[in-house]
Amino acid sequence: MYIFIATIFIAELIIAFSIINLIIKADKKICDINDCISEFNPLAKTCMQYVRCVSTSFFTNVKTGIDFIKKHQEKIWVKAISTSAIYLMLVLFRIKRIKVKKLFNLVGVIADIALDFVV
């Protein structure tokens, strides 16, 4: 019976030493990672400032684009409708290139005249 208790005690010691060894290895790895983070921190700070600047300028440009679209919404709709009508006619009638060029010029002139009268 004492041999059984001794073997269990030795097994528990082996398990405890292996757990302690793993904890020490993990501590060393965490210290290494902490050193890397400490060295990387100024670079990360600079990168975060750059990202903040880029995102701010991006959202400013998006807001400016949305404002531009709101101002010129009617012109954009006219151009979109005329362009879609031209493509619809191309698909429906399958016009040759030379006729298409003339048609594009004609539609462009008509659209310019219509925009002059509207504005």
N, C-alpha and C. Protein backbone atom coordinates (compact mmCIF):
# COMPACT_ATOMS: atom_id res chain seq x y z
N MET A 1 0.81 -1.18 0.00
CA MET A 1 0.00 0.00 0.00
C MET A 1 0.86 1.26 0.00
N TYR A 2 1.99 1.22 0.73
CA TYR A 2 2.87 2.39 0.75
C TYR A 2 3.51 2.61 -0.62
N ILE A 3 3.74 1.52 -1.35
CA ILE A 3 4.31 1.65 -2.70
C ILE A 3 3.29 2.34 -3.61
N PHE A 4 2.03 1.98 -3.48
CA PHE A 4 0.97 2.59 -4.28
C PHE A 4 0.89 4.09 -4.00
N ILE A 5 0.91 4.48 -2.73
CA ILE A 5 0.85 5.89 -2.35
C ILE A 5 2.10 6.61 -2.85
N ALA A 6 3.26 5.95 -2.78
CA ALA A 6 4.50 6.56 -3.24
C ALA A 6 4.48 6.78 -4.75
N THR A 7 3.96 5.82 -5.51
CA THR A 7 3.89 5.98 -6.97
C THR A 7 2.91 7.09 -7.35
N ILE A 8 1.80 7.17 -6.63
CA ILE A 8 0.84 8.26 -6.90
C ILE A 8 1.47 9.60 -6.57
N PHE A 9 2.22 9.68 -5.48
CA PHE A 9 2.89 10.92 -5.09
C PHE A 9 3.93 11.32 -6.14
N ILE A 10 4.69 10.34 -6.62
CA ILE A 10 5.71 10.61 -7.64
C ILE A 10 5.02 11.06 -8.94
N ALA A 11 3.92 10.44 -9.31
CA ALA A 11 3.18 10.83 -10.52
C ALA A 11 2.66 12.25 -10.38
N GLU A 12 2.15 12.58 -9.19
CA GLU A 12 1.68 13.94 -8.96
C GLU A 12 2.82 14.95 -9.03
N LEU A 13 4.00 14.57 -8.52
CA LEU A 13 5.17 15.45 -8.62
C LEU A 13 5.58 15.66 -10.08
N ILE A 14 5.56 14.57 -10.85
CA ILE A 14 5.91 14.69 -12.27
C ILE A 14 4.92 15.60 -12.99
N ILE A 15 3.65 15.43 -12.71
CA ILE A 15 2.61 16.28 -13.33
C ILE A 15 2.80 17.73 -12.89
N ALA A 16 3.07 17.95 -11.60
CA ALA A 16 3.26 19.31 -11.09
C ALA A 16 4.48 19.96 -11.74
N PHE A 17 5.60 19.22 -11.86
CA PHE A 17 6.80 19.77 -12.48
C PHE A 17 6.56 20.09 -13.96
N SER A 18 5.83 19.23 -14.66
CA SER A 18 5.55 19.51 -16.08
C SER A 18 4.64 20.73 -16.22
N ILE A 19 3.67 20.89 -15.32
CA ILE A 19 2.80 22.07 -15.36
C ILE A 19 3.61 23.33 -15.05
N ILE A 20 4.48 23.24 -14.04
CA ILE A 20 5.33 24.39 -13.70
C ILE A 20 6.25 24.73 -14.87
N ASN A 21 6.80 23.71 -15.52
CA ASN A 21 7.66 23.92 -16.68
C ASN A 21 6.90 24.62 -17.81
N LEU A 22 5.67 24.17 -18.07
CA LEU A 22 4.86 24.81 -19.11
C LEU A 22 4.52 26.26 -18.74
N ILE A 23 4.26 26.52 -17.47
CA ILE A 23 3.97 27.89 -17.03
C ILE A 23 5.20 28.78 -17.22
N ILE A 24 6.38 28.26 -16.91
CA ILE A 24 7.61 29.03 -17.09
C ILE A 24 7.86 29.32 -18.57
N LYS A 25 7.63 28.33 -19.45
CA LYS A 25 7.80 28.54 -20.89
C LYS A 25 6.80 29.58 -21.40
N ALA A 26 5.56 29.49 -20.94
CA ALA A 26 4.55 30.46 -21.35
C ALA A 26 4.91 31.86 -20.87
N ASP A 27 5.45 31.96 -19.66
CA ASP A 27 5.86 33.26 -19.13
C ASP A 27 6.98 33.86 -19.98
N LYS A 28 7.95 33.03 -20.38
CA LYS A 28 9.03 33.51 -21.24
C LYS A 28 8.50 33.99 -22.58
N LYS A 29 7.56 33.22 -23.16
CA LYS A 29 6.99 33.62 -24.44
C LYS A 29 6.20 34.92 -24.31
N ILE A 30 5.47 35.07 -23.22
CA ILE A 30 4.71 36.29 -23.00
C ILE A 30 5.65 37.47 -22.82
N CYS A 31 6.75 37.27 -22.12
CA CYS A 31 7.74 38.35 -21.96
C CYS A 31 8.33 38.75 -23.32
N ASP A 32 8.62 37.75 -24.17
CA ASP A 32 9.13 38.04 -25.51
C ASP A 32 8.11 38.82 -26.33
N ILE A 33 6.87 38.40 -26.27
CA ILE A 33 5.80 39.11 -27.00
C ILE A 33 5.65 40.52 -26.46
N ASN A 34 5.74 40.70 -25.15
CA ASN A 34 5.64 42.02 -24.55
C ASN A 34 6.78 42.92 -25.03
N ASP A 35 7.99 42.38 -25.14
CA ASP A 35 9.11 43.16 -25.67
C ASP A 35 8.87 43.57 -27.12
N CYS A 36 8.35 42.64 -27.92
CA CYS A 36 8.05 42.96 -29.31
C CYS A 36 6.99 44.05 -29.41
N ILE A 37 5.98 43.96 -28.57
CA ILE A 37 4.92 44.97 -28.59
C ILE A 37 5.46 46.32 -28.14
N SER A 38 6.34 46.30 -27.14
CA SER A 38 6.93 47.56 -26.67
C SER A 38 7.76 48.23 -27.77
N GLU A 39 8.46 47.43 -28.57
CA GLU A 39 9.24 47.99 -29.67
C GLU A 39 8.33 48.42 -30.82
N PHE A 40 7.23 47.73 -31.02
CA PHE A 40 6.33 48.00 -32.14
C PHE A 40 5.37 49.15 -31.84
N ASN A 41 5.19 49.50 -30.58
CA ASN A 41 4.18 50.48 -30.19
C ASN A 41 4.32 51.84 -30.89
N PRO A 42 5.52 52.47 -30.99
CA PRO A 42 5.60 53.76 -31.70
C PRO A 42 5.21 53.64 -33.17
N LEU A 43 5.63 52.54 -33.80
CA LEU A 43 5.27 52.34 -35.20
C LEU A 43 3.76 52.16 -35.35
N ALA A 44 3.17 51.41 -34.45
CA ALA A 44 1.72 51.21 -34.49
C ALA A 44 0.98 52.53 -34.28
N LYS A 45 1.51 53.36 -33.39
CA LYS A 45 0.88 54.65 -33.13
C LYS A 45 0.91 55.52 -34.39
N THR A 46 2.04 55.53 -35.08
CA THR A 46 2.16 56.29 -36.32
C THR A 46 1.20 55.75 -37.38
N CYS A 47 1.13 54.42 -37.48
CA CYS A 47 0.22 53.81 -38.46
C CYS A 47 -1.24 54.15 -38.14
N MET A 48 -1.60 54.14 -36.88
CA MET A 48 -2.98 54.47 -36.49
C MET A 48 -3.30 55.93 -36.84
N GLN A 49 -2.35 56.83 -36.65
CA GLN A 49 -2.58 58.22 -37.03
C GLN A 49 -2.76 58.34 -38.53
N TYR A 50 -1.96 57.60 -39.28
CA TYR A 50 -2.09 57.62 -40.74
C TYR A 50 -3.45 57.07 -41.17
N VAL A 51 -3.88 55.98 -40.56
CA VAL A 51 -5.18 55.39 -40.89
C VAL A 51 -6.31 56.37 -40.54
N ARG A 52 -6.18 57.04 -39.42
CA ARG A 52 -7.20 58.02 -39.02
C ARG A 52 -7.26 59.16 -40.05
N CYS A 53 -6.11 59.62 -40.51
CA CYS A 53 -6.07 60.69 -41.50
C CYS A 53 -6.69 60.24 -42.82
N VAL A 54 -6.35 59.04 -43.26
CA VAL A 54 -6.88 58.52 -44.52
C VAL A 54 -8.38 58.32 -44.43
N SER A 55 -8.86 57.77 -43.33
CA SER A 55 -10.30 57.54 -43.19
C SER A 55 -11.06 58.87 -43.12
N THR A 56 -10.48 59.85 -42.44
CA THR A 56 -11.14 61.16 -42.37
C THR A 56 -11.24 61.79 -43.76
N SER A 57 -10.15 61.74 -44.52
CA SER A 57 -10.20 62.32 -45.87
C SER A 57 -11.14 61.53 -46.77
N PHE A 58 -11.20 60.21 -46.60
CA PHE A 58 -12.11 59.39 -47.39
C PHE A 58 -13.56 59.78 -47.12
N PHE A 59 -13.92 59.89 -45.84
CA PHE A 59 -15.30 60.25 -45.52
C PHE A 59 -15.63 61.68 -45.94
N THR A 60 -14.64 62.57 -45.89
CA THR A 60 -14.86 63.93 -46.38
C THR A 60 -15.14 63.91 -47.88
N ASN A 61 -14.36 63.11 -48.61
CA ASN A 61 -14.57 63.02 -50.06
C ASN A 61 -15.91 62.38 -50.39
N VAL A 62 -16.31 61.38 -49.62
CA VAL A 62 -17.61 60.75 -49.85
C VAL A 62 -18.74 61.75 -49.59
N LYS A 63 -18.59 62.53 -48.51
CA LYS A 63 -19.62 63.53 -48.20
C LYS A 63 -19.68 64.58 -49.30
N THR A 64 -18.52 65.01 -49.79
CA THR A 64 -18.49 65.98 -50.89
C THR A 64 -19.14 65.40 -52.14
N GLY A 65 -18.87 64.14 -52.43
CA GLY A 65 -19.48 63.49 -53.59
C GLY A 65 -21.00 63.39 -53.46
N ILE A 66 -21.47 63.06 -52.26
CA ILE A 66 -22.92 62.98 -52.04
C ILE A 66 -23.56 64.35 -52.19
N ASP A 67 -22.91 65.40 -51.67
CA ASP A 67 -23.43 66.75 -51.84
C ASP A 67 -23.47 67.15 -53.30
N PHE A 68 -22.43 66.79 -54.06
CA PHE A 68 -22.40 67.09 -55.49
C PHE A 68 -23.54 66.39 -56.21
N ILE A 69 -23.76 65.13 -55.87
CA ILE A 69 -24.84 64.38 -56.51
C ILE A 69 -26.19 64.98 -56.16
N LYS A 70 -26.36 65.43 -54.93
CA LYS A 70 -27.63 66.04 -54.55
C LYS A 70 -27.85 67.35 -55.31
N LYS A 71 -26.77 68.13 -55.51
CA LYS A 71 -26.91 69.39 -56.24
C LYS A 71 -27.26 69.15 -57.70
N HIS A 72 -26.62 68.18 -58.31
CA HIS A 72 -26.78 67.95 -59.74
C HIS A 72 -27.63 66.71 -60.02
N GLN A 73 -28.57 66.45 -59.16
CA GLN A 73 -29.38 65.23 -59.27
C GLN A 73 -30.19 65.22 -60.56
N GLU A 74 -30.76 66.36 -60.91
CA GLU A 74 -31.61 66.42 -62.10
C GLU A 74 -30.79 66.17 -63.37
N LYS A 75 -29.60 66.79 -63.44
CA LYS A 75 -28.75 66.58 -64.61
C LYS A 75 -28.30 65.13 -64.71
N ILE A 76 -28.00 64.54 -63.57
CA ILE A 76 -27.56 63.14 -63.56
C ILE A 76 -28.69 62.23 -64.03
N TRP A 77 -29.91 62.51 -63.59
CA TRP A 77 -31.05 61.70 -64.03
C TRP A 77 -31.26 61.83 -65.53
N VAL A 78 -31.15 63.06 -66.05
CA VAL A 78 -31.34 63.27 -67.49
C VAL A 78 -30.28 62.50 -68.27
N LYS A 79 -29.03 62.59 -67.82
CA LYS A 79 -27.97 61.88 -68.53
C LYS A 79 -28.14 60.37 -68.41
N ALA A 80 -28.54 59.89 -67.24
CA ALA A 80 -28.74 58.45 -67.06
C ALA A 80 -29.88 57.95 -67.94
N ILE A 81 -30.97 58.70 -68.00
CA ILE A 81 -32.11 58.30 -68.83
C ILE A 81 -31.74 58.32 -70.30
N SER A 82 -31.02 59.38 -70.73
CA SER A 82 -30.64 59.44 -72.14
C SER A 82 -29.66 58.33 -72.50
N THR A 83 -28.73 58.05 -71.61
CA THR A 83 -27.77 56.97 -71.87
C THR A 83 -28.47 55.62 -71.93
N SER A 84 -29.38 55.38 -71.01
CA SER A 84 -30.09 54.11 -71.02
C SER A 84 -30.98 54.00 -72.25
N ALA A 85 -31.56 55.12 -72.69
CA ALA A 85 -32.38 55.09 -73.90
C ALA A 85 -31.52 54.77 -75.12
N ILE A 86 -30.33 55.33 -75.17
CA ILE A 86 -29.43 55.05 -76.30
C ILE A 86 -29.05 53.58 -76.32
N TYR A 87 -28.69 53.05 -75.15
CA TYR A 87 -28.33 51.62 -75.12
C TYR A 87 -29.54 50.74 -75.44
N LEU A 88 -30.70 51.15 -75.02
CA LEU A 88 -31.90 50.39 -75.35
C LEU A 88 -32.13 50.38 -76.86
N MET A 89 -31.95 51.55 -77.48
CA MET A 89 -32.10 51.60 -78.93
C MET A 89 -31.04 50.76 -79.63
N LEU A 90 -29.82 50.77 -79.09
CA LEU A 90 -28.77 49.94 -79.69
C LEU A 90 -29.12 48.46 -79.62
N VAL A 91 -29.65 48.08 -78.51
CA VAL A 91 -30.00 46.67 -78.36
C VAL A 91 -31.19 46.32 -79.25
N LEU A 92 -32.17 47.20 -79.27
CA LEU A 92 -33.38 46.89 -80.04
C LEU A 92 -33.14 46.92 -81.55
N PHE A 93 -32.43 47.91 -82.01
CA PHE A 93 -32.30 48.08 -83.45
C PHE A 93 -30.98 47.54 -84.02
N ARG A 94 -30.01 47.29 -83.17
CA ARG A 94 -28.70 46.78 -83.59
C ARG A 94 -28.13 47.61 -84.73
N ILE A 95 -27.95 48.88 -84.44
CA ILE A 95 -27.50 49.84 -85.44
C ILE A 95 -25.99 49.68 -85.66
N LYS A 96 -25.53 49.97 -86.85
CA LYS A 96 -24.11 49.87 -87.17
C LYS A 96 -23.35 51.01 -86.50
N ARG A 97 -22.02 50.89 -86.46
CA ARG A 97 -21.18 51.85 -85.74
C ARG A 97 -21.28 53.27 -86.28
N ILE A 98 -21.29 53.41 -87.56
CA ILE A 98 -21.32 54.76 -88.15
C ILE A 98 -22.63 55.45 -87.78
N LYS A 99 -23.72 54.72 -87.86
CA LYS A 99 -25.00 55.29 -87.49
C LYS A 99 -25.06 55.57 -86.00
N VAL A 100 -24.40 54.73 -85.21
CA VAL A 100 -24.39 54.93 -83.76
C VAL A 100 -23.65 56.22 -83.42
N LYS A 101 -22.52 56.46 -84.10
CA LYS A 101 -21.76 57.69 -83.85
C LYS A 101 -22.61 58.91 -84.18
N LYS A 102 -23.29 58.88 -85.29
CA LYS A 102 -24.16 59.99 -85.66
C LYS A 102 -25.29 60.14 -84.64
N LEU A 103 -25.83 59.01 -84.18
CA LEU A 103 -26.91 59.04 -83.21
C LEU A 103 -26.43 59.61 -81.87
N PHE A 104 -25.24 59.21 -81.45
CA PHE A 104 -24.67 59.76 -80.22
C PHE A 104 -24.49 61.28 -80.32
N ASN A 105 -23.97 61.73 -81.45
CA ASN A 105 -23.80 63.17 -81.65
C ASN A 105 -25.14 63.89 -81.62
N LEU A 106 -26.13 63.32 -82.27
CA LEU A 106 -27.46 63.92 -82.31
C LEU A 106 -28.07 63.98 -80.92
N VAL A 107 -27.99 62.89 -80.18
CA VAL A 107 -28.55 62.87 -78.83
C VAL A 107 -27.79 63.84 -77.92
N GLY A 108 -26.47 63.93 -78.09
CA GLY A 108 -25.69 64.87 -77.30
C GLY A 108 -26.10 66.30 -77.56
N VAL A 109 -26.31 66.65 -78.82
CA VAL A 109 -26.74 68.00 -79.18
C VAL A 109 -28.13 68.27 -78.62
N ILE A 110 -29.03 67.31 -78.76
CA ILE A 110 -30.40 67.48 -78.23
C ILE A 110 -30.36 67.63 -76.71
N ALA A 111 -29.54 66.84 -76.04
CA ALA A 111 -29.46 66.93 -74.59
C ALA A 111 -28.89 68.28 -74.17
N ASP A 112 -27.87 68.79 -74.90
CA ASP A 112 -27.30 70.10 -74.56
C ASP A 112 -28.33 71.20 -74.75
N ILE A 113 -29.08 71.13 -75.83
CA ILE A 113 -30.12 72.14 -76.07
C ILE A 113 -31.19 72.06 -74.98
N ALA A 114 -31.61 70.85 -74.64
CA ALA A 114 -32.65 70.68 -73.61
C ALA A 114 -32.15 71.19 -72.26
N LEU A 115 -30.91 70.93 -71.94
CA LEU A 115 -30.35 71.41 -70.67
C LEU A 115 -30.24 72.94 -70.65
N ASP A 116 -29.93 73.53 -71.81
CA ASP A 116 -29.89 75.00 -71.87
C ASP A 116 -31.27 75.60 -71.63
N PHE A 117 -32.31 74.97 -72.18
CA PHE A 117 -33.67 75.49 -71.95
C PHE A 117 -34.15 75.24 -70.53
N VAL A 118 -33.76 74.10 -69.95
CA VAL A 118 -34.19 73.77 -68.58
C VAL A 118 -33.53 74.71 -67.59
N VAL A 119 -32.23 74.94 -67.76
CA VAL A 119 -31.47 75.75 -66.82
C VAL A 119 -31.65 77.19 -67.19
